[in-house]
C-alpha atoms as a PDB file:
ATOM      1  CA  MET A   1      63.928   8.219  -9.377  1.00  0.00           C
ATOM      2  CA  GLY A   2      67.461   8.343  -8.083  1.00  0.00           C
ATOM      3  CA  THR A   3      69.024   8.435 -11.527  1.00  0.00           C
ATOM      4  CA  GLY A   4      71.978  10.668 -10.831  1.00  0.00           C
ATOM      5  CA  ARG A   5      75.244   9.050 -11.889  1.00  0.00           C
ATOM      6  CA  THR A   6      78.740   9.189 -10.527  1.00  0.00           C
ATOM      7  CA  GLY A   7      81.354   6.968 -12.164  1.00  0.00           C
ATOM      8  CA  GLY A   8      78.913   4.218 -13.082  1.00  0.00           C
ATOM      9  CA  ALA A   9      77.109   4.378  -9.720  1.00  0.00           C
ATOM     10  CA  ASP A  10      73.734   5.737  -8.685  1.00  0.00           C
ATOM     11  CA  ALA A  11      73.382   8.761  -6.422  1.00  0.00           C
ATOM     12  CA  ASP A  12      72.408   6.381  -3.582  1.00  0.00           C
ATOM     13  CA  GLY A  13      75.716   4.545  -3.974  1.00  0.00           C
ATOM     14  CA  ARG A  14      74.437   1.493  -5.823  1.00  0.00           C
ATOM     15  CA  SER A  15      76.326   0.275  -8.856  1.00  0.00           C
ATOM     16  CA  MET A  16      74.573  -0.031 -12.188  1.00  0.00           C
ATOM     17  CA  HIS A  17      74.844  -3.805 -11.801  1.00  0.00           C
ATOM     18  CA  GLU A  18      73.014  -3.602  -8.466  1.00  0.00           C
ATOM     19  CA  ARG A  19      70.334  -1.375 -10.014  1.00  0.00           C
ATOM     20  CA  MET A  20      69.859  -3.847 -12.878  1.00  0.00           C
ATOM     21  CA  LEU A  21      69.425  -6.794 -10.515  1.00  0.00           C
ATOM     22  CA  ALA A  22      66.891  -4.781  -8.463  1.00  0.00           C
ATOM     23  CA  GLY A  23      64.790  -4.106 -11.568  1.00  0.00           C
ATOM     24  CA  ASP A  24      65.447  -0.363 -11.469  1.00  0.00           C
ATOM     25  CA  LEU A  25      66.604   1.918 -14.252  1.00  0.00           C
ATOM     26  CA  TYR A  26      70.301   1.415 -14.986  1.00  0.00           C
ATOM     27  CA  ILE A  27      72.919   2.101 -17.644  1.00  0.00           C
ATOM     28  CA  ALA A  28      74.851  -0.864 -18.988  1.00  0.00           C
ATOM     29  CA  ASP A  29      78.285   0.706 -18.456  1.00  0.00           C
ATOM     30  CA  ASP A  30      79.206  -1.275 -15.328  1.00  0.00           C
ATOM     31  CA  PRO A  31      82.282  -3.539 -15.754  1.00  0.00           C
ATOM     32  CA  ALA A  32      80.455  -6.340 -13.936  1.00  0.00           C
ATOM     33  CA  ILE A  33      77.605  -6.135 -16.463  1.00  0.00           C
ATOM     34  CA  TRP A  34      79.977  -6.287 -19.413  1.00  0.00           C
ATOM     35  CA  GLU A  35      81.877  -9.215 -17.934  1.00  0.00           C
ATOM     36  CA  ASP A  36      78.624 -11.139 -17.472  1.00  0.00           C
ATOM     37  CA  LEU A  37      77.606 -10.340 -21.055  1.00  0.00           C
ATOM     38  CA  LEU A  38      80.953 -11.494 -22.433  1.00  0.00           C
ATOM     39  CA  ARG A  39      80.812 -14.699 -20.378  1.00  0.00           C
ATOM     40  CA  ALA A  40      77.362 -15.464 -21.779  1.00  0.00           C
ATOM     41  CA  MET A  41      78.486 -14.743 -25.337  1.00  0.00           C
ATOM     42  CA  ASP A  42      81.472 -17.059 -24.959  1.00  0.00           C
ATOM     43  CA  LEU A  43      79.315 -19.892 -23.610  1.00  0.00           C
ATOM     44  CA  THR A  44      76.503 -19.467 -26.150  1.00  0.00           C
ATOM     45  CA  ASP A  45      79.015 -19.356 -29.006  1.00  0.00           C
ATOM     46  CA  ALA A  46      80.544 -22.586 -27.718  1.00  0.00           C
ATOM     47  CA  PHE A  47      77.123 -24.210 -27.259  1.00  0.00           C
ATOM     48  CA  ASN A  48      75.940 -23.170 -30.719  1.00  0.00           C
ATOM     49  CA  ALA A  49      79.109 -24.577 -32.288  1.00  0.00           C
ATOM     50  CA  THR A  50      78.911 -27.940 -30.493  1.00  0.00           C
ATOM     51  CA  SER A  51      77.921 -30.952 -32.581  1.00  0.00           C
ATOM     52  CA  ALA A  52      74.531 -32.557 -32.001  1.00  0.00           C
ATOM     53  CA  ARG A  53      76.552 -35.774 -31.779  1.00  0.00           C
ATOM     54  CA  ASP A  54      78.000 -34.520 -28.483  1.00  0.00           C
ATOM     55  CA  PRO A  55      74.944 -34.031 -26.227  1.00  0.00           C
ATOM     56  CA  GLY A  56      77.109 -34.372 -23.121  1.00  0.00           C
ATOM     57  CA  GLU A  57      79.117 -31.277 -24.043  1.00  0.00           C
ATOM     58  CA  GLN A  58      75.956 -29.397 -24.971  1.00  0.00           C
ATOM     59  CA  ARG A  59      74.499 -30.228 -21.591  1.00  0.00           C
ATOM     60  CA  ARG A  60      77.697 -29.215 -19.784  1.00  0.00           C
ATOM     61  CA  LEU A  61      77.706 -25.815 -21.488  1.00  0.00           C
ATOM     62  CA  LEU A  62      74.020 -25.192 -20.765  1.00  0.00           C
ATOM     63  CA  THR A  63      74.531 -26.114 -17.116  1.00  0.00           C
ATOM     64  CA  GLU A  64      77.361 -23.593 -16.894  1.00  0.00           C
ATOM     65  CA  LEU A  65      75.485 -20.905 -18.825  1.00  0.00           C
ATOM     66  CA  LEU A  66      71.997 -21.048 -17.320  1.00  0.00           C
ATOM     67  CA  GLY A  67      70.767 -20.431 -13.797  1.00  0.00           C
ATOM     68  CA  ALA A  68      69.187 -23.888 -13.860  1.00  0.00           C
ATOM     69  CA  ILE A  69      68.151 -26.517 -16.383  1.00  0.00           C
ATOM     70  CA  GLY A  70      66.096 -29.488 -15.268  1.00  0.00           C
ATOM     71  CA  GLU A  71      66.488 -33.182 -15.995  1.00  0.00           C
ATOM     72  CA  ASP A  72      65.818 -34.250 -19.605  1.00  0.00           C
ATOM     73  CA  SER A  73      65.380 -30.671 -20.836  1.00  0.00           C
ATOM     74  CA  TYR A  74      66.897 -29.924 -24.223  1.00  0.00           C
ATOM     75  CA  ILE A  75      67.583 -26.769 -26.252  1.00  0.00           C
ATOM     76  CA  ARG A  76      68.407 -26.975 -29.945  1.00  0.00           C
ATOM     77  CA  PRO A  77      71.011 -24.435 -30.998  1.00  0.00           C
ATOM     78  CA  PRO A  78      71.222 -21.649 -31.911  1.00  0.00           C
ATOM     79  CA  LEU A  79      70.398 -20.073 -28.554  1.00  0.00           C
ATOM     80  CA  ARG A  80      70.872 -16.424 -27.616  1.00  0.00           C
ATOM     81  CA  VAL A  81      70.738 -14.912 -24.122  1.00  0.00           C
ATOM     82  CA  ASP A  82      71.904 -11.724 -22.437  1.00  0.00           C
ATOM     83  CA  TYR A  83      73.338 -13.310 -19.296  1.00  0.00           C
ATOM     84  CA  GLY A  84      72.007 -16.862 -19.104  1.00  0.00           C
ATOM     85  CA  SER A  85      72.335 -16.924 -15.339  1.00  0.00           C
ATOM     86  CA  HIS A  86      68.860 -15.361 -14.986  1.00  0.00           C
ATOM     87  CA  VAL A  87      67.201 -18.169 -16.991  1.00  0.00           C
ATOM     88  CA  ARG A  88      65.791 -21.113 -15.035  1.00  0.00           C
ATOM     89  CA  ILE A  89      64.258 -24.044 -16.904  1.00  0.00           C
ATOM     90  CA  GLY A  90      62.398 -26.972 -15.361  1.00  0.00           C
ATOM     91  CA  ALA A  91      62.446 -30.656 -16.280  1.00  0.00           C
ATOM     92  CA  ARG A  92      61.532 -32.249 -19.617  1.00  0.00           C
ATOM     93  CA  THR A  93      61.263 -28.912 -21.437  1.00  0.00           C
ATOM     94  CA  PHE A  94      62.125 -28.675 -25.134  1.00  0.00           C
ATOM     95  CA  ALA A  95      63.135 -25.546 -27.048  1.00  0.00           C
ATOM     96  CA  ASN A  96      63.472 -25.761 -30.809  1.00  0.00           C
ATOM     97  CA  PHE A  97      65.897 -23.809 -33.018  1.00  0.00           C
ATOM     98  CA  GLY A  98      66.418 -20.103 -32.461  1.00  0.00           C
ATOM     99  CA  LEU A  99      65.296 -19.380 -28.901  1.00  0.00           C
ATOM    100  CA  VAL A 100      66.124 -15.810 -27.821  1.00  0.00           C
ATOM    101  CA  ALA A 101      65.868 -15.321 -24.054  1.00  0.00           C
ATOM    102  CA  LEU A 102      66.963 -11.795 -23.134  1.00  0.00           C
ATOM    103  CA  ASP A 103      67.310 -12.263 -19.405  1.00  0.00           C
ATOM    104  CA  VAL A 104      68.136  -8.860 -17.969  1.00  0.00           C
ATOM    105  CA  ALA A 105      65.426  -9.827 -15.468  1.00  0.00           C
ATOM    106  CA  ALA A 106      64.548 -13.391 -14.485  1.00  0.00           C
ATOM    107  CA  ILE A 107      63.045 -15.764 -17.040  1.00  0.00           C
ATOM    108  CA  THR A 108      61.433 -18.775 -15.379  1.00  0.00           C
ATOM    109  CA  ILE A 109      60.271 -21.678 -17.570  1.00  0.00           C
ATOM    110  CA  GLY A 110      58.421 -24.580 -15.975  1.00  0.00           C
ATOM    111  CA  ASP A 111      58.391 -28.342 -16.501  1.00  0.00           C
ATOM    112  CA  ASP A 112      57.229 -30.009 -19.740  1.00  0.00           C
ATOM    113  CA  VAL A 113      57.176 -26.750 -21.733  1.00  0.00           C
ATOM    114  CA  GLN A 114      57.276 -26.920 -25.540  1.00  0.00           C
ATOM    115  CA  ILE A 115      58.921 -23.944 -27.258  1.00  0.00           C
ATOM    116  CA  GLY A 116      58.709 -23.650 -31.041  1.00  0.00           C
ATOM    117  CA  THR A 117      61.258 -22.202 -33.433  1.00  0.00           C
ATOM    118  CA  ASN A 118      62.344 -18.573 -33.191  1.00  0.00           C
ATOM    119  CA  VAL A 119      60.525 -17.787 -29.952  1.00  0.00           C
ATOM    120  CA  GLN A 120      61.578 -14.561 -28.197  1.00  0.00           C
ATOM    121  CA  LEU A 121      61.329 -14.037 -24.433  1.00  0.00           C
ATOM    122  CA  LEU A 122      62.139 -10.361 -23.901  1.00  0.00           C
ATOM    123  CA  THR A 123      62.555  -8.870 -20.421  1.00  0.00           C
ATOM    124  CA  PRO A 124      64.308  -5.550 -21.296  1.00  0.00           C
ATOM    125  CA  THR A 125      62.381  -2.269 -21.345  1.00  0.00           C
ATOM    126  CA  HIS A 126      63.334   1.295 -22.275  1.00  0.00           C
ATOM    127  CA  PRO A 127      61.826   4.534 -20.923  1.00  0.00           C
ATOM    128  CA  VAL A 128      59.065   6.269 -22.842  1.00  0.00           C
ATOM    129  CA  ASP A 129      60.605   9.560 -21.674  1.00  0.00           C
ATOM    130  CA  PRO A 130      62.833  10.589 -24.614  1.00  0.00           C
ATOM    131  CA  GLU A 131      65.508  12.234 -22.469  1.00  0.00           C
ATOM    132  CA  LEU A 132      65.983   9.162 -20.276  1.00  0.00           C
ATOM    133  CA  ARG A 133      66.069   6.956 -23.359  1.00  0.00           C
ATOM    134  CA  ARG A 134      68.626   9.218 -25.062  1.00  0.00           C
ATOM    135  CA  ALA A 135      70.753   8.987 -21.914  1.00  0.00           C
ATOM    136  CA  LYS A 136      70.717   5.152 -22.338  1.00  0.00           C
ATOM    137  CA  TRP A 137      68.717   4.292 -19.210  1.00  0.00           C
ATOM    138  CA  GLU A 138      66.956   0.934 -19.382  1.00  0.00           C
ATOM    139  CA  ALA A 139      65.310  -1.613 -17.078  1.00  0.00           C
ATOM    140  CA  ALA A 140      63.651  -5.037 -17.230  1.00  0.00           C
ATOM    141  CA  LYS A 141      60.636  -6.993 -15.981  1.00  0.00           C
ATOM    142  CA  PRO A 142      60.602 -10.768 -15.342  1.00  0.00           C
ATOM    143  CA  ILE A 143      58.841 -13.372 -17.484  1.00  0.00           C
ATOM    144  CA  SER A 144      57.299 -16.571 -16.122  1.00  0.00           C
ATOM    145  CA  ILE A 145      56.151 -19.523 -18.248  1.00  0.00           C
ATOM    146  CA  GLY A 146      54.087 -22.138 -16.377  1.00  0.00           C
ATOM    147  CA  ASP A 147      54.291 -25.921 -16.548  1.00  0.00           C
ATOM    148  CA  ASN A 148      53.181 -27.676 -19.750  1.00  0.00           C
ATOM    149  CA  VAL A 149      52.838 -24.460 -21.779  1.00  0.00           C
ATOM    150  CA  TRP A 150      53.224 -24.671 -25.578  1.00  0.00           C
ATOM    151  CA  LEU A 151      54.625 -21.563 -27.287  1.00  0.00           C
ATOM    152  CA  GLY A 152      54.133 -21.809 -31.043  1.00  0.00           C
ATOM    153  CA  SER A 153      56.873 -20.820 -33.476  1.00  0.00           C
ATOM    154  CA  GLY A 154      57.580 -17.119 -33.643  1.00  0.00           C
ATOM    155  CA  THR A 155      55.854 -16.287 -30.357  1.00  0.00           C
ATOM    156  CA  ILE A 156      57.084 -13.071 -28.735  1.00  0.00           C
ATOM    157  CA  VAL A 157      56.600 -12.675 -24.974  1.00  0.00           C
ATOM    158  CA  LEU A 158      57.038  -9.110 -23.734  1.00  0.00           C
ATOM    159  CA  PRO A 159      58.452  -7.850 -20.401  1.00  0.00           C
ATOM    160  CA  GLY A 160      56.571  -8.633 -17.208  1.00  0.00           C
ATOM    161  CA  VAL A 161      54.314 -11.342 -18.680  1.00  0.00           C
ATOM    162  CA  THR A 162      53.223 -14.496 -16.843  1.00  0.00           C
ATOM    163  CA  ILE A 163      51.680 -17.402 -18.781  1.00  0.00           C
ATOM    164  CA  GLY A 164      49.705 -19.914 -16.749  1.00  0.00           C
ATOM    165  CA  ALA A 165      50.095 -23.692 -16.798  1.00  0.00           C
ATOM    166  CA  ASN A 166      48.853 -25.740 -19.778  1.00  0.00           C
ATOM    167  CA  THR A 167      48.205 -22.672 -21.934  1.00  0.00           C
ATOM    168  CA  VAL A 168      48.842 -22.805 -25.691  1.00  0.00           C
ATOM    169  CA  VAL A 169      50.049 -19.707 -27.545  1.00  0.00           C
ATOM    170  CA  GLY A 170      49.582 -19.778 -31.307  1.00  0.00           C
ATOM    171  CA  ALA A 171      52.418 -19.275 -33.776  1.00  0.00           C
ATOM    172  CA  GLY A 172      53.382 -15.661 -34.306  1.00  0.00           C
ATOM    173  CA  ALA A 173      51.467 -14.342 -31.307  1.00  0.00           C
ATOM    174  CA  VAL A 174      52.728 -11.313 -29.399  1.00  0.00           C
ATOM    175  CA  VAL A 175      51.962 -11.743 -25.697  1.00  0.00           C
ATOM    176  CA  THR A 176      51.688  -8.274 -24.199  1.00  0.00           C
ATOM    177  CA  ARG A 177      49.906  -9.143 -20.929  1.00  0.00           C
ATOM    178  CA  ASP A 178      49.424 -12.095 -18.582  1.00  0.00           C
ATOM    179  CA  LEU A 179      47.584 -15.183 -19.843  1.00  0.00           C
ATOM    180  CA  PRO A 180      45.702 -17.452 -17.422  1.00  0.00           C
ATOM    181  CA  ALA A 181      46.142 -21.204 -17.174  1.00  0.00           C
ATOM    182  CA  ASN A 182      44.327 -23.612 -19.494  1.00  0.00           C
ATOM    183  CA  VAL A 183      43.567 -21.342 -22.448  1.00  0.00           C
ATOM    184  CA  VAL A 184      44.479 -20.995 -26.123  1.00  0.00           C
ATOM    185  CA  ALA A 185      45.644 -17.507 -27.130  1.00  0.00           C
ATOM    186  CA  VAL A 186      46.476 -16.192 -30.604  1.00  0.00           C
ATOM    187  CA  GLY A 187      47.186 -12.955 -32.424  1.00  0.00           C
ATOM    188  CA  ASN A 188      48.863  -9.592 -31.937  1.00  0.00           C
ATOM    189  CA  PRO A 189      48.240  -8.692 -29.215  1.00  0.00           C
ATOM    190  CA  ALA A 190      47.522 -12.234 -28.041  1.00  0.00           C
ATOM    191  CA  ARG A 191      43.916 -12.779 -27.002  1.00  0.00           C
ATOM    192  CA  VAL A 192      42.240 -15.801 -25.450  1.00  0.00           C
ATOM    193  CA  VAL A 193      40.072 -17.649 -27.985  1.00  0.00           C
ATOM    194  CA  ARG A 194      39.088 -20.723 -26.001  1.00  0.00           C
ATOM    195  CA  THR A 195      39.401 -22.528 -22.705  1.00  0.00           C
ATOM    196  CA  ILE A 196      41.124 -25.897 -22.639  1.00  0.00           C
ATOM    197  CA  GLU A 197      38.943 -28.683 -21.279  1.00  0.00           C
ATOM    198  CA  PRO A 198      40.868 -31.723 -19.943  1.00  0.00           C
ATOM    199  CA  GLY A 199      40.630 -34.649 -22.345  1.00  0.00           C
ATOM    200  CA  VAL A 200      39.295 -32.514 -25.246  1.00  0.00           C
ATOM    201  CA  ALA A 201      41.650 -32.084 -28.224  1.00  0.00           C
END
């Protein structure tokens, strides 16, 4: 797997930061990784402390923190991210209190998405192999949330999951695998319980 280390670099010469961005196993001891983490912590702390009476400052901080945030999208603090720069949010999306978006890999959220309270979008993974895990190797898989998705409060989306457009995920669901467009899914693990018919409540 090319997991030999020399001074924070892989045996093939790549830094741990480069391995992380490629989606390969890495160890979070690279100075560039720590600097990105600290930057994100500074910006999220500032965002979470900003008054709701100052939406302009909230928006400025989110624009600096995130990879992209579309027009008329709004996140209610508190927000927590790993890096922020790997999160891209479309237009007119709303996230309620307590969103956790651990963006070691890319998190892509479409337009018109509704995100309930305390939703977790989790891209990091750890090896099943106990020796690799003990040695602190980790990796990540991207998450993609389609347009007009509704994630109920307490939803957990696991690494590598894609959720199709218009799908509704019930409160407290744990999404362990891809969900197609235009369905309702509930439970742990989340399972499809119905198809959404246009114009039918």
